[in-house]
Every structure is written in C-alpha cells, then in structure tokens.
C-alpha cells in the first residue's frame, strides 16, 4: 500500500492488495479496504465500511458495501 501524508487510520483497519491513499484520508475503525483501488485526497471512510471501489476527492463512504453519502 501507498499512504500519503496526514492520513488518520484507526484500529483494526484492513488494507488488502494494493491500496493507494492520497493526503488527509481518514479511515474509521474496523474498515476493510479491498484493493486494488485508490482513495483520493480529503476522503473519509466510515467505521466498519467495506470499500471495493475507488473513492473520489472529498467524498465520504459508509456501509457494506461502501456507498457515497449525498
């Protein structure tokens, strides 16, 4: 995995395969990031979310599977 500066990764987060995090990405406790994928700058992943697709800049994703909040 490639982790950019100022990322906040809480406990029990899983980064599987190749995951690229931009700068200032916040990942909540227990989230599963199942790559290969990219989470772009200033994005947030909710606790216990399962991310299987790329996350755009400034977006927030939550749930199983992770979906973008409006």
C-alpha atoms as a PDB file:
ATOM      1  CA  UNK A   1       0.000   0.000   0.000  1.00  0.00           C
ATOM      2  CA  UNK A   2       0.981   3.620  -0.505  1.00  0.00           C
ATOM      3  CA  UNK A   3      -0.150   6.025   2.230  1.00  0.00           C
ATOM      4  CA  UNK A   4       0.006   9.780   1.726  1.00  0.00           C
ATOM      5  CA  UNK A   5       0.766  12.420   4.382  1.00  0.00           C
ATOM      6  CA  UNK A   6      -1.656  13.317   7.189  1.00  0.00           C
ATOM      7  CA  UNK A   7      -3.747  10.142   6.920  1.00  0.00           C
ATOM      8  CA  UNK A   8      -5.657   9.022  10.003  1.00  0.00           C
ATOM      9  CA  UNK A   9      -6.144   5.248  10.216  1.00  0.00           C
ATOM     10  CA  UNK A  10      -7.972   3.947  13.277  1.00  0.00           C
ATOM     11  CA  UNK A  11      -7.607   0.485  14.851  1.00  0.00           C
ATOM     12  CA  UNK A  12      -8.343  -2.831  13.134  1.00  0.00           C
ATOM     13  CA  UNK A  13      -8.367  -1.414   9.591  1.00  0.00           C
ATOM     14  CA  UNK A  14      -7.589  -3.903   6.816  1.00  0.00           C
ATOM     15  CA  UNK A  15      -5.768  -2.766   3.659  1.00  0.00           C
ATOM     16  CA  UNK A  16      -5.872  -5.737   1.251  1.00  0.00           C
ATOM     17  CA  UNK A  17      -3.904  -5.992  -2.016  1.00  0.00           C
ATOM     18  CA  UNK A  18      -2.614  -2.620  -3.320  1.00  0.00           C
ATOM     19  CA  UNK A  19      -4.334   0.408  -1.822  1.00  0.00           C
ATOM     20  CA  UNK A  20      -3.229   3.966  -2.541  1.00  0.00           C
ATOM     21  CA  UNK A  21      -4.305   6.706  -0.122  1.00  0.00           C
ATOM     22  CA  UNK A  22      -3.941  10.371  -1.023  1.00  0.00           C
ATOM     23  CA  UNK A  23      -3.249  13.069   1.558  1.00  0.00           C
ATOM     24  CA  UNK A  24      -5.527  13.653   4.571  1.00  0.00           C
ATOM     25  CA  UNK A  25      -7.598  10.471   4.203  1.00  0.00           C
ATOM     26  CA  UNK A  26      -9.494   9.395   7.336  1.00  0.00           C
ATOM     27  CA  UNK A  27     -10.389   5.706   7.762  1.00  0.00           C
ATOM     28  CA  UNK A  28     -12.708   4.703  10.604  1.00  0.00           C
ATOM     29  CA  UNK A  29     -12.174   1.766  12.959  1.00  0.00           C
ATOM     30  CA  UNK A  30     -12.692  -1.704  11.536  1.00  0.00           C
ATOM     31  CA  UNK A  31     -12.971  -0.611   7.897  1.00  0.00           C
ATOM     32  CA  UNK A  32     -11.949  -3.073   5.169  1.00  0.00           C
ATOM     33  CA  UNK A  33     -10.306  -1.589   2.083  1.00  0.00           C
ATOM     34  CA  UNK A  34     -10.204  -4.330  -0.563  1.00  0.00           C
ATOM     35  CA  UNK A  35      -7.986  -3.236  -3.435  1.00  0.00           C
ATOM     36  CA  UNK A  36      -6.570  -2.680  -5.833  1.00  0.00           C
ATOM     37  CA  UNK A  37      -8.058   0.810  -5.551  1.00  0.00           C
ATOM     38  CA  UNK A  38      -7.321   4.456  -4.841  1.00  0.00           C
ATOM     39  CA  UNK A  39      -8.814   6.713  -2.194  1.00  0.00           C
ATOM     40  CA  UNK A  40      -8.155  10.286  -3.264  1.00  0.00           C
ATOM     41  CA  UNK A  41      -7.307  13.372  -1.175  1.00  0.00           C
ATOM     42  CA  UNK A  42      -9.514  14.529   1.719  1.00  0.00           C
ATOM     43  CA  UNK A  43     -11.771  11.456   1.557  1.00  0.00           C
ATOM     44  CA  UNK A  44     -13.370   9.721   4.564  1.00  0.00           C
ATOM     45  CA  UNK A  45     -14.284   6.082   5.121  1.00  0.00           C
ATOM     46  CA  UNK A  46     -16.804   5.299   7.865  1.00  0.00           C
ATOM     47  CA  UNK A  47     -16.220   2.772  10.633  1.00  0.00           C
ATOM     48  CA  UNK A  48     -16.746  -0.865   9.569  1.00  0.00           C
ATOM     49  CA  UNK A  49     -17.252   0.114   5.904  1.00  0.00           C
ATOM     50  CA  UNK A  50     -16.195  -2.348   3.194  1.00  0.00           C
ATOM     51  CA  UNK A  51     -14.674  -0.402   0.293  1.00  0.00           C
ATOM     52  CA  UNK A  52     -14.329  -2.205  -3.053  1.00  0.00           C
ATOM     53  CA  UNK A  53     -14.243   0.758  -5.480  1.00  0.00           C
ATOM     54  CA  UNK A  54     -12.232   3.958  -5.827  1.00  0.00           C
ATOM     55  CA  UNK A  55     -13.271   6.911  -3.646  1.00  0.00           C
ATOM     56  CA  UNK A  56     -13.211  10.400  -5.176  1.00  0.00           C
ATOM     57  CA  UNK A  57     -11.682  13.545  -3.736  1.00  0.00           C
ATOM     58  CA  UNK A  58     -13.516  14.935  -0.703  1.00  0.00           C
ATOM     59  CA  UNK A  59     -16.087  12.111  -0.705  1.00  0.00           C
ATOM     60  CA  UNK A  60     -17.389  10.164   2.302  1.00  0.00           C
ATOM     61  CA  UNK A  61     -18.298   6.487   2.004  1.00  0.00           C
ATOM     62  CA  UNK A  62     -20.115   4.303   4.551  1.00  0.00           C
ATOM     63  CA  UNK A  63     -21.764   0.890   4.756  1.00  0.00           C
ATOM     64  CA  UNK A  64     -21.351  -2.636   3.474  1.00  0.00           C
ATOM     65  CA  UNK A  65     -20.604  -2.365   0.610  1.00  0.00           C
ATOM     66  CA  UNK A  66     -19.448   1.241   0.952  1.00  0.00           C
ATOM     67  CA  UNK A  67     -21.618   3.842  -0.782  1.00  0.00           C
ATOM     68  CA  UNK A  68     -21.114   7.555  -1.135  1.00  0.00           C
ATOM     69  CA  UNK A  69     -23.099   9.904   1.108  1.00  0.00           C
ATOM     70  CA  UNK A  70     -25.035  12.659  -0.671  1.00  0.00           C
END
